[in-house]
PDB file of N, CA and C in Angstrom:
ATOM      1  N   UNK A   1     -44.305 -20.706 -56.154  1.00  0.00           N
ATOM      2  CA  UNK A   1     -45.375 -19.751 -56.336  1.00  0.00           C
ATOM      3  C   UNK A   1     -44.860 -18.616 -57.208  1.00  0.00           C
ATOM      4  N   UNK A   2     -45.699 -18.188 -58.130  1.00  0.00           N
ATOM      5  CA  UNK A   2     -45.299 -17.044 -58.940  1.00  0.00           C
ATOM      6  C   UNK A   2     -46.540 -16.309 -59.410  1.00  0.00           C
ATOM      7  N   UNK A   3     -46.385 -15.040 -59.623  1.00  0.00           N
ATOM      8  CA  UNK A   3     -47.448 -14.245 -60.214  1.00  0.00           C
ATOM      9  C   UNK A   3     -47.235 -14.286 -61.713  1.00  0.00           C
ATOM     10  N   UNK A   4     -48.207 -14.759 -62.430  1.00  0.00           N
ATOM     11  CA  UNK A   4     -48.054 -14.944 -63.864  1.00  0.00           C
ATOM     12  C   UNK A   4     -48.199 -13.622 -64.614  1.00  0.00           C
ATOM     13  N   UNK A   5     -47.499 -13.498 -65.710  1.00  0.00           N
ATOM     14  CA  UNK A   5     -47.602 -12.285 -66.533  1.00  0.00           C
ATOM     15  C   UNK A   5     -48.840 -12.320 -67.420  1.00  0.00           C
ATOM     16  N   UNK A   6     -49.196 -13.471 -67.927  1.00  0.00           N
ATOM     17  CA  UNK A   6     -50.386 -13.571 -68.778  1.00  0.00           C
ATOM     18  C   UNK A   6     -51.517 -14.131 -67.927  1.00  0.00           C
ATOM     19  N   UNK A   7     -52.502 -13.305 -67.679  1.00  0.00           N
ATOM     20  CA  UNK A   7     -53.605 -13.717 -66.825  1.00  0.00           C
ATOM     21  C   UNK A   7     -54.904 -13.739 -67.609  1.00  0.00           C
ATOM     22  N   UNK A   8     -55.848 -14.568 -67.185  1.00  0.00           N
ATOM     23  CA  UNK A   8     -57.153 -14.595 -67.864  1.00  0.00           C
ATOM     24  C   UNK A   8     -57.836 -13.233 -67.769  1.00  0.00           C
ATOM     25  N   UNK A   9     -58.708 -12.932 -68.702  1.00  0.00           N
ATOM     26  CA  UNK A   9     -59.362 -11.623 -68.756  1.00  0.00           C
ATOM     27  C   UNK A   9     -60.221 -11.334 -67.532  1.00  0.00           C
ATOM     28  N   UNK A  10     -60.703 -12.357 -66.843  1.00  0.00           N
ATOM     29  CA  UNK A  10     -61.550 -12.132 -65.672  1.00  0.00           C
ATOM     30  C   UNK A  10     -60.744 -11.802 -64.409  1.00  0.00           C
ATOM     31  N   UNK A  11     -59.419 -11.866 -64.491  1.00  0.00           N
ATOM     32  CA  UNK A  11     -58.587 -11.456 -63.362  1.00  0.00           C
ATOM     33  C   UNK A  11     -58.148 -10.021 -63.604  1.00  0.00           C
ATOM     34  N   UNK A  12     -58.621  -9.138 -62.753  1.00  0.00           N
ATOM     35  CA  UNK A  12     -58.289  -7.720 -62.876  1.00  0.00           C
ATOM     36  C   UNK A  12     -56.878  -7.441 -62.361  1.00  0.00           C
ATOM     37  N   UNK A  13     -56.565  -8.031 -61.207  1.00  0.00           N
ATOM     38  CA  UNK A  13     -55.290  -7.730 -60.566  1.00  0.00           C
ATOM     39  C   UNK A  13     -54.912  -8.868 -59.621  1.00  0.00           C
ATOM     40  N   UNK A  14     -53.615  -9.117 -59.512  1.00  0.00           N
ATOM     41  CA  UNK A  14     -53.078 -10.041 -58.512  1.00  0.00           C
ATOM     42  C   UNK A  14     -52.022  -9.261 -57.747  1.00  0.00           C
ATOM     43  N   UNK A  15     -52.185  -9.212 -56.434  1.00  0.00           N
ATOM     44  CA  UNK A  15     -51.205  -8.471 -55.646  1.00  0.00           C
ATOM     45  C   UNK A  15     -50.817  -9.264 -54.397  1.00  0.00           C
ATOM     46  N   UNK A  16     -49.622  -9.007 -53.928  1.00  0.00           N
ATOM     47  CA  UNK A  16     -49.119  -9.616 -52.701  1.00  0.00           C
ATOM     48  C   UNK A  16     -49.603  -8.738 -51.554  1.00  0.00           C
ATOM     49  N   UNK A  17     -50.149  -9.366 -50.531  1.00  0.00           N
ATOM     50  CA  UNK A  17     -50.709  -8.640 -49.400  1.00  0.00           C
ATOM     51  C   UNK A  17     -49.624  -8.310 -48.375  1.00  0.00           C
ATOM     52  N   UNK A  18     -49.468  -7.030 -48.068  1.00  0.00           N
ATOM     53  CA  UNK A  18     -48.547  -6.555 -47.025  1.00  0.00           C
ATOM     54  C   UNK A  18     -47.118  -7.071 -47.193  1.00  0.00           C
ATOM     55  N   UNK A  19     -46.673  -7.235 -48.434  1.00  0.00           N
ATOM     56  CA  UNK A  19     -45.312  -7.688 -48.700  1.00  0.00           C
ATOM     57  C   UNK A  19     -45.047  -9.150 -48.370  1.00  0.00           C
ATOM     58  N   UNK A  20     -46.088  -9.904 -48.044  1.00  0.00           N
ATOM     59  CA  UNK A  20     -45.948 -11.315 -47.689  1.00  0.00           C
ATOM     60  C   UNK A  20     -46.231 -12.169 -48.922  1.00  0.00           C
ATOM     61  N   UNK A  21     -45.217 -12.830 -49.459  1.00  0.00           N
ATOM     62  CA  UNK A  21     -45.358 -13.628 -50.679  1.00  0.00           C
ATOM     63  C   UNK A  21     -46.328 -14.795 -50.522  1.00  0.00           C
ATOM     64  N   UNK A  22     -46.689 -15.137 -49.300  1.00  0.00           N
ATOM     65  CA  UNK A  22     -47.619 -16.247 -49.064  1.00  0.00           C
ATOM     66  C   UNK A  22     -49.061 -15.773 -48.899  1.00  0.00           C
ATOM     67  N   UNK A  23     -49.297 -14.481 -49.066  1.00  0.00           N
ATOM     68  CA  UNK A  23     -50.646 -13.920 -48.974  1.00  0.00           C
ATOM     69  C   UNK A  23     -50.929 -13.131 -50.256  1.00  0.00           C
ATOM     70  N   UNK A  24     -51.847 -13.630 -51.060  1.00  0.00           N
ATOM     71  CA  UNK A  24     -52.209 -12.957 -52.306  1.00  0.00           C
ATOM     72  C   UNK A  24     -53.650 -12.480 -52.232  1.00  0.00           C
ATOM     73  N   UNK A  25     -53.918 -11.403 -52.947  1.00  0.00           N
ATOM     74  CA  UNK A  25     -55.290 -10.956 -53.171  1.00  0.00           C
ATOM     75  C   UNK A  25     -55.481 -10.895 -54.681  1.00  0.00           C
ATOM     76  N   UNK A  26     -56.496 -11.589 -55.159  1.00  0.00           N
ATOM     77  CA  UNK A  26     -56.809 -11.624 -56.589  1.00  0.00           C
ATOM     78  C   UNK A  26     -58.147 -10.926 -56.776  1.00  0.00           C
ATOM     79  N   UNK A  27     -58.164  -9.859 -57.560  1.00  0.00           N
ATOM     80  CA  UNK A  27     -59.414  -9.154 -57.857  1.00  0.00           C
ATOM     81  C   UNK A  27     -60.009  -9.747 -59.128  1.00  0.00           C
ATOM     82  N   UNK A  28     -61.222 -10.279 -58.988  1.00  0.00           N
ATOM     83  CA  UNK A  28     -61.899 -10.967 -60.088  1.00  0.00           C
ATOM     84  C   UNK A  28     -63.001 -10.108 -60.681  1.00  0.00           C
ATOM     85  N   UNK A  29     -63.116 -10.139 -62.004  1.00  0.00           N
ATOM     86  CA  UNK A  29     -64.200  -9.487 -62.745  1.00  0.00           C
ATOM     87  C   UNK A  29     -64.914 -10.566 -63.549  1.00  0.00           C
ATOM     88  N   UNK A  30     -65.910 -11.220 -62.953  1.00  0.00           N
ATOM     89  CA  UNK A  30     -66.590 -12.306 -63.663  1.00  0.00           C
ATOM     90  C   UNK A  30     -67.234 -11.823 -64.960  1.00  0.00           C
ATOM     91  N   UNK A  31     -67.126 -12.612 -66.039  1.00  0.00           N
ATOM     92  CA  UNK A  31     -67.638 -12.188 -67.339  1.00  0.00           C
ATOM     93  C   UNK A  31     -69.134 -12.434 -67.551  1.00  0.00           C
ATOM     94  N   UNK A  32     -69.740 -13.300 -66.741  1.00  0.00           N
ATOM     95  CA  UNK A  32     -71.136 -13.680 -67.002  1.00  0.00           C
ATOM     96  C   UNK A  32     -72.033 -13.394 -65.801  1.00  0.00           C
ATOM     97  N   UNK A  33     -73.333 -13.184 -66.075  1.00  0.00           N
ATOM     98  CA  UNK A  33     -74.309 -12.997 -64.995  1.00  0.00           C
ATOM     99  C   UNK A  33     -74.358 -14.237 -64.109  1.00  0.00           C
ATOM    100  N   UNK A  34     -74.705 -14.118 -62.897  1.00  0.00           N
ATOM    101  CA  UNK A  34     -75.203 -12.926 -62.212  1.00  0.00           C
ATOM    102  C   UNK A  34     -74.108 -12.089 -61.564  1.00  0.00           C
ATOM    103  N   UNK A  35     -72.849 -12.443 -61.741  1.00  0.00           N
ATOM    104  CA  UNK A  35     -71.767 -11.762 -61.029  1.00  0.00           C
ATOM    105  C   UNK A  35     -71.004 -10.743 -61.874  1.00  0.00           C
ATOM    106  N   UNK A  36     -71.380 -10.566 -63.125  1.00  0.00           N
ATOM    107  CA  UNK A  36     -70.597  -9.729 -64.040  1.00  0.00           C
ATOM    108  C   UNK A  36     -70.646  -8.236 -63.722  1.00  0.00           C
ATOM    109  N   UNK A  37     -71.507  -7.801 -62.824  1.00  0.00           N
ATOM    110  CA  UNK A  37     -71.567  -6.378 -62.470  1.00  0.00           C
ATOM    111  C   UNK A  37     -70.701  -6.039 -61.259  1.00  0.00           C
ATOM    112  N   UNK A  38     -69.934  -6.997 -60.771  1.00  0.00           N
ATOM    113  CA  UNK A  38     -69.145  -6.738 -59.577  1.00  0.00           C
ATOM    114  C   UNK A  38     -67.695  -7.123 -59.722  1.00  0.00           C
ATOM    115  N   UNK A  39     -66.913  -6.641 -58.759  1.00  0.00           N
ATOM    116  CA  UNK A  39     -65.522  -7.054 -58.644  1.00  0.00           C
ATOM    117  C   UNK A  39     -65.393  -7.727 -57.280  1.00  0.00           C
ATOM    118  N   UNK A  40     -64.715  -8.860 -57.238  1.00  0.00           N
ATOM    119  CA  UNK A  40     -64.650  -9.677 -56.041  1.00  0.00           C
ATOM    120  C   UNK A  40     -63.201  -9.967 -55.691  1.00  0.00           C
ATOM    121  N   UNK A  41     -62.864  -9.754 -54.422  1.00  0.00           N
ATOM    122  CA  UNK A  41     -61.501 -10.027 -53.961  1.00  0.00           C
ATOM    123  C   UNK A  41     -61.417 -11.420 -53.365  1.00  0.00           C
ATOM    124  N   UNK A  42     -60.504 -12.199 -53.896  1.00  0.00           N
ATOM    125  CA  UNK A  42     -60.235 -13.550 -53.434  1.00  0.00           C
ATOM    126  C   UNK A  42     -58.887 -13.542 -52.723  1.00  0.00           C
ATOM    127  N   UNK A  43     -58.872 -13.965 -51.472  1.00  0.00           N
ATOM    128  CA  UNK A  43     -57.626 -14.036 -50.706  1.00  0.00           C
ATOM    129  C   UNK A  43     -57.090 -15.460 -50.769  1.00  0.00           C
ATOM    130  N   UNK A  44     -55.829 -15.579 -51.128  1.00  0.00           N
ATOM    131  CA  UNK A  44     -55.174 -16.885 -51.194  1.00  0.00           C
ATOM    132  C   UNK A  44     -54.031 -16.878 -50.184  1.00  0.00           C
ATOM    133  N   UNK A  45     -54.078 -17.824 -49.264  1.00  0.00           N
ATOM    134  CA  UNK A  45     -53.031 -17.967 -48.255  1.00  0.00           C
ATOM    135  C   UNK A  45     -52.325 -19.296 -48.488  1.00  0.00           C
ATOM    136  N   UNK A  46     -51.025 -19.220 -48.662  1.00  0.00           N
ATOM    137  CA  UNK A  46     -50.221 -20.419 -48.881  1.00  0.00           C
ATOM    138  C   UNK A  46     -49.616 -20.852 -47.547  1.00  0.00           C
ATOM    139  N   UNK A  47     -49.965 -22.053 -47.060  1.00  0.00           N
ATOM    140  CA  UNK A  47     -49.386 -22.508 -45.791  1.00  0.00           C
ATOM    141  C   UNK A  47     -47.896 -22.805 -45.954  1.00  0.00           C
ATOM    142  N   UNK A  48     -47.196 -22.885 -44.844  1.00  0.00           N
ATOM    143  CA  UNK A  48     -45.755 -23.175 -44.874  1.00  0.00           C
ATOM    144  C   UNK A  48     -45.476 -24.500 -45.573  1.00  0.00           C
ATOM    145  N   UNK A  49     -46.433 -25.431 -45.533  1.00  0.00           N
ATOM    146  CA  UNK A  49     -46.246 -26.754 -46.129  1.00  0.00           C
ATOM    147  C   UNK A  49     -46.594 -26.807 -47.618  1.00  0.00           C
ATOM    148  N   UNK A  50     -46.983 -25.683 -48.214  1.00  0.00           N
ATOM    149  CA  UNK A  50     -47.296 -25.653 -49.646  1.00  0.00           C
ATOM    150  C   UNK A  50     -46.042 -26.036 -50.424  1.00  0.00           C
ATOM    151  N   UNK A  51     -46.085 -26.860 -51.413  1.00  0.00           N
ATOM    152  CA  UNK A  51     -47.224 -27.383 -52.166  1.00  0.00           C
ATOM    153  C   UNK A  51     -47.769 -28.720 -51.649  1.00  0.00           C
ATOM    154  N   UNK A  52     -47.295 -29.172 -50.509  1.00  0.00           N
ATOM    155  CA  UNK A  52     -47.777 -30.455 -49.991  1.00  0.00           C
ATOM    156  C   UNK A  52     -49.121 -30.320 -49.284  1.00  0.00           C
ATOM    157  N   UNK A  53     -49.492 -29.109 -48.977  1.00  0.00           N
ATOM    158  CA  UNK A  53     -50.777 -28.808 -48.362  1.00  0.00           C
ATOM    159  C   UNK A  53     -51.452 -27.743 -49.234  1.00  0.00           C
ATOM    160  N   UNK A  54     -52.767 -27.813 -49.442  1.00  0.00           N
ATOM    161  CA  UNK A  54     -53.421 -26.872 -50.358  1.00  0.00           C
ATOM    162  C   UNK A  54     -53.464 -25.446 -49.815  1.00  0.00           C
ATOM    163  N   UNK A  55     -53.539 -24.471 -50.714  1.00  0.00           N
ATOM    164  CA  UNK A  55     -53.723 -23.095 -50.266  1.00  0.00           C
ATOM    165  C   UNK A  55     -55.126 -22.928 -49.685  1.00  0.00           C
ATOM    166  N   UNK A  56     -55.281 -21.887 -48.896  1.00  0.00           N
ATOM    167  CA  UNK A  56     -56.589 -21.557 -48.328  1.00  0.00           C
ATOM    168  C   UNK A  56     -57.155 -20.414 -49.154  1.00  0.00           C
ATOM    169  N   UNK A  57     -58.343 -20.618 -49.717  1.00  0.00           N
ATOM    170  CA  UNK A  57     -58.998 -19.592 -50.514  1.00  0.00           C
ATOM    171  C   UNK A  57     -60.205 -19.066 -49.762  1.00  0.00           C
ATOM    172  N   UNK A  58     -60.311 -17.740 -49.709  1.00  0.00           N
ATOM    173  CA  UNK A  58     -61.455 -17.122 -49.054  1.00  0.00           C
ATOM    174  C   UNK A  58     -61.871 -15.906 -49.871  1.00  0.00           C
ATOM    175  N   UNK A  59     -63.152 -15.834 -50.172  1.00  0.00           N
ATOM    176  CA  UNK A  59     -63.672 -14.687 -50.896  1.00  0.00           C
ATOM    177  C   UNK A  59     -63.912 -13.575 -49.880  1.00  0.00           C
ATOM    178  N   UNK A  60     -63.188 -12.468 -50.010  1.00  0.00           N
ATOM    179  CA  UNK A  60     -63.303 -11.361 -49.060  1.00  0.00           C
ATOM    180  C   UNK A  60     -64.551 -10.529 -49.323  1.00  0.00           C
ATOM    181  N   UNK A  61     -65.022 -10.517 -50.554  1.00  0.00           N
ATOM    182  CA  UNK A  61     -66.228  -9.785 -50.923  1.00  0.00           C
ATOM    183  C   UNK A  61     -67.438 -10.674 -50.636  1.00  0.00           C
ATOM    184  N   UNK A  62     -68.401 -10.183 -49.840  1.00  0.00           N
ATOM    185  CA  UNK A  62     -69.596 -10.996 -49.571  1.00  0.00           C
ATOM    186  C   UNK A  62     -70.341 -11.330 -50.866  1.00  0.00           C
ATOM    187  N   UNK A  63     -70.779 -12.585 -50.963  1.00  0.00           N
ATOM    188  CA  UNK A  63     -71.440 -13.050 -52.178  1.00  0.00           C
ATOM    189  C   UNK A  63     -72.305 -14.255 -51.824  1.00  0.00           C
ATOM    190  N   UNK A  64     -73.382 -14.442 -52.566  1.00  0.00           N
ATOM    191  CA  UNK A  64     -74.154 -15.668 -52.421  1.00  0.00           C
ATOM    192  C   UNK A  64     -73.725 -16.611 -53.538  1.00  0.00           C
ATOM    193  N   UNK A  65     -73.251 -17.777 -53.146  1.00  0.00           N
ATOM    194  CA  UNK A  65     -72.865 -18.805 -54.103  1.00  0.00           C
ATOM    195  C   UNK A  65     -72.942 -20.139 -53.371  1.00  0.00           C
ATOM    196  N   UNK A  66     -73.450 -21.186 -54.017  1.00  0.00           N
ATOM    197  CA  UNK A  66     -73.602 -22.470 -53.323  1.00  0.00           C
ATOM    198  C   UNK A  66     -72.291 -23.104 -52.847  1.00  0.00           C
ATOM    199  N   UNK A  67     -71.161 -22.727 -53.416  1.00  0.00           N
ATOM    200  CA  UNK A  67     -69.874 -23.305 -53.005  1.00  0.00           C
ATOM    201  C   UNK A  67     -69.071 -22.394 -52.082  1.00  0.00           C
ATOM    202  N   UNK A  68     -69.705 -21.321 -51.597  1.00  0.00           N
ATOM    203  CA  UNK A  68     -69.017 -20.378 -50.716  1.00  0.00           C
ATOM    204  C   UNK A  68     -69.868 -20.177 -49.471  1.00  0.00           C
ATOM    205  N   UNK A  69     -69.261 -20.383 -48.295  1.00  0.00           N
ATOM    206  CA  UNK A  69     -70.040 -20.231 -47.067  1.00  0.00           C
ATOM    207  C   UNK A  69     -70.090 -18.769 -46.630  1.00  0.00           C
ATOM    208  N   UNK A  70     -70.773 -18.510 -45.505  1.00  0.00           N
ATOM    209  CA  UNK A  70     -70.978 -17.135 -45.041  1.00  0.00           C
ATOM    210  C   UNK A  70     -69.683 -16.453 -44.612  1.00  0.00           C
ATOM    211  N   UNK A  71     -68.617 -17.218 -44.388  1.00  0.00           N
ATOM    212  CA  UNK A  71     -67.316 -16.643 -44.045  1.00  0.00           C
ATOM    213  C   UNK A  71     -66.446 -16.422 -45.278  1.00  0.00           C
ATOM    214  N   UNK A  72     -66.970 -16.779 -46.454  1.00  0.00           N
ATOM    215  CA  UNK A  72     -66.218 -16.619 -47.689  1.00  0.00           C
ATOM    216  C   UNK A  72     -65.337 -17.803 -48.027  1.00  0.00           C
ATOM    217  N   UNK A  73     -65.407 -18.868 -47.235  1.00  0.00           N
ATOM    218  CA  UNK A  73     -64.587 -20.049 -47.489  1.00  0.00           C
ATOM    219  C   UNK A  73     -65.184 -20.873 -48.618  1.00  0.00           C
ATOM    220  N   UNK A  74     -64.309 -21.372 -49.483  1.00  0.00           N
ATOM    221  CA  UNK A  74     -64.753 -22.135 -50.645  1.00  0.00           C
ATOM    222  C   UNK A  74     -64.829 -23.618 -50.336  1.00  0.00           C
ATOM    223  N   UNK A  75     -65.888 -24.222 -50.820  1.00  0.00           N
ATOM    224  CA  UNK A  75     -66.088 -25.658 -50.656  1.00  0.00           C
ATOM    225  C   UNK A  75     -65.835 -26.316 -52.015  1.00  0.00           C
ATOM    226  N   UNK A  76     -64.584 -26.636 -52.272  1.00  0.00           N
ATOM    227  CA  UNK A  76     -64.181 -27.273 -53.523  1.00  0.00           C
ATOM    228  C   UNK A  76     -63.355 -28.508 -53.187  1.00  0.00           C
ATOM    229  N   UNK A  77     -63.682 -29.617 -53.810  1.00  0.00           N
ATOM    230  CA  UNK A  77     -63.001 -30.878 -53.514  1.00  0.00           C
ATOM    231  C   UNK A  77     -61.487 -30.776 -53.698  1.00  0.00           C
ATOM    232  N   UNK A  78     -61.036 -30.066 -54.701  1.00  0.00           N
ATOM    233  CA  UNK A  78     -59.599 -29.988 -54.979  1.00  0.00           C
ATOM    234  C   UNK A  78     -58.832 -29.297 -53.852  1.00  0.00           C
ATOM    235  N   UNK A  79     -59.524 -28.479 -53.047  1.00  0.00           N
ATOM    236  CA  UNK A  79     -58.868 -27.761 -51.961  1.00  0.00           C
ATOM    237  C   UNK A  79     -58.843 -28.550 -50.652  1.00  0.00           C
ATOM    238  N   UNK A  80     -59.429 -29.728 -50.656  1.00  0.00           N
ATOM    239  CA  UNK A  80     -59.401 -30.583 -49.469  1.00  0.00           C
ATOM    240  C   UNK A  80     -58.047 -31.287 -49.399  1.00  0.00           C
ATOM    241  N   UNK A  81     -57.539 -31.419 -48.202  1.00  0.00           N
ATOM    242  CA  UNK A  81     -56.212 -32.010 -48.011  1.00  0.00           C
ATOM    243  C   UNK A  81     -56.088 -33.382 -48.677  1.00  0.00           C
ATOM    244  N   UNK A  82     -57.122 -34.213 -48.541  1.00  0.00           N
ATOM    245  CA  UNK A  82     -57.074 -35.568 -49.105  1.00  0.00           C
ATOM    246  C   UNK A  82     -57.048 -35.588 -50.631  1.00  0.00           C
ATOM    247  N   UNK A  83     -57.548 -34.541 -51.268  1.00  0.00           N
ATOM    248  CA  UNK A  83     -57.617 -34.490 -52.732  1.00  0.00           C
ATOM    249  C   UNK A  83     -56.470 -33.703 -53.356  1.00  0.00           C
ATOM    250  N   UNK A  84     -55.770 -32.931 -52.570  1.00  0.00           N
ATOM    251  CA  UNK A  84     -54.711 -32.066 -53.075  1.00  0.00           C
ATOM    252  C   UNK A  84     -53.478 -32.881 -53.441  1.00  0.00           C
ATOM    253  N   UNK A  85     -52.896 -32.564 -54.579  1.00  0.00           N
ATOM    254  CA  UNK A  85     -51.662 -33.208 -55.041  1.00  0.00           C
ATOM    255  C   UNK A  85     -50.563 -32.141 -55.113  1.00  0.00           C
ATOM    256  N   UNK A  86     -49.352 -32.442 -54.660  1.00  0.00           N
ATOM    257  CA  UNK A  86     -48.276 -31.456 -54.700  1.00  0.00           C
ATOM    258  C   UNK A  86     -48.005 -30.893 -56.094  1.00  0.00           C
ATOM    259  N   UNK A  87     -48.324 -31.637 -57.149  1.00  0.00           N
ATOM    260  CA  UNK A  87     -48.127 -31.146 -58.513  1.00  0.00           C
ATOM    261  C   UNK A  87     -49.168 -30.127 -58.946  1.00  0.00           C
ATOM    262  N   UNK A  88     -50.232 -29.993 -58.175  1.00  0.00           N
ATOM    263  CA  UNK A  88     -51.267 -29.003 -58.483  1.00  0.00           C
ATOM    264  C   UNK A  88     -50.742 -27.637 -58.073  1.00  0.00           C
ATOM    265  N   UNK A  89     -51.021 -26.638 -58.886  1.00  0.00           N
ATOM    266  CA  UNK A  89     -50.620 -25.285 -58.510  1.00  0.00           C
ATOM    267  C   UNK A  89     -51.796 -24.343 -58.693  1.00  0.00           C
ATOM    268  N   UNK A  90     -51.611 -23.117 -58.339  1.00  0.00           N
ATOM    269  CA  UNK A  90     -52.698 -22.144 -58.394  1.00  0.00           C
ATOM    270  C   UNK A  90     -53.227 -21.981 -59.808  1.00  0.00           C
ATOM    271  N   UNK A  91     -52.357 -22.010 -60.799  1.00  0.00           N
ATOM    272  CA  UNK A  91     -52.811 -21.859 -62.187  1.00  0.00           C
ATOM    273  C   UNK A  91     -53.566 -23.080 -62.679  1.00  0.00           C
ATOM    274  N   UNK A  92     -53.160 -24.278 -62.274  1.00  0.00           N
ATOM    275  CA  UNK A  92     -53.822 -25.481 -62.785  1.00  0.00           C
ATOM    276  C   UNK A  92     -55.090 -25.818 -62.026  1.00  0.00           C
ATOM    277  N   UNK A  93     -55.270 -25.275 -60.850  1.00  0.00           N
ATOM    278  CA  UNK A  93     -56.472 -25.573 -60.082  1.00  0.00           C
ATOM    279  C   UNK A  93     -57.493 -24.527 -60.363  1.00  0.00           C
TER     280      UNK A  93
END
C-alpha cells in the first residue's frame, strides 16, 4: 500500500486515519454533475489479509447513488471476495 504522489484531479486529498496505515480517507471532488458541487469522503479499510482480500470501501458522506447503499457501502463486483485478485491494487481498481 502506498499513497501516490501523482493523483487524479478529482482526488482532493488522501490521508491516513488516526496514524493507522490500513485506514485511509480519500476526499473526492467529482468533476461532473450531479456530484460536482460537493466533496465526498471515501473511507478505505485494508484488512490484515490484503492484498489477498479486497479493501472495504465506504462513502462517509451521505449520497444517493445506485451503487452505494444507505450505509455508504459500495456495491462493485471488483470488491467482492470472489472477484478480487491479489494483483489488483487501489490505483488499478
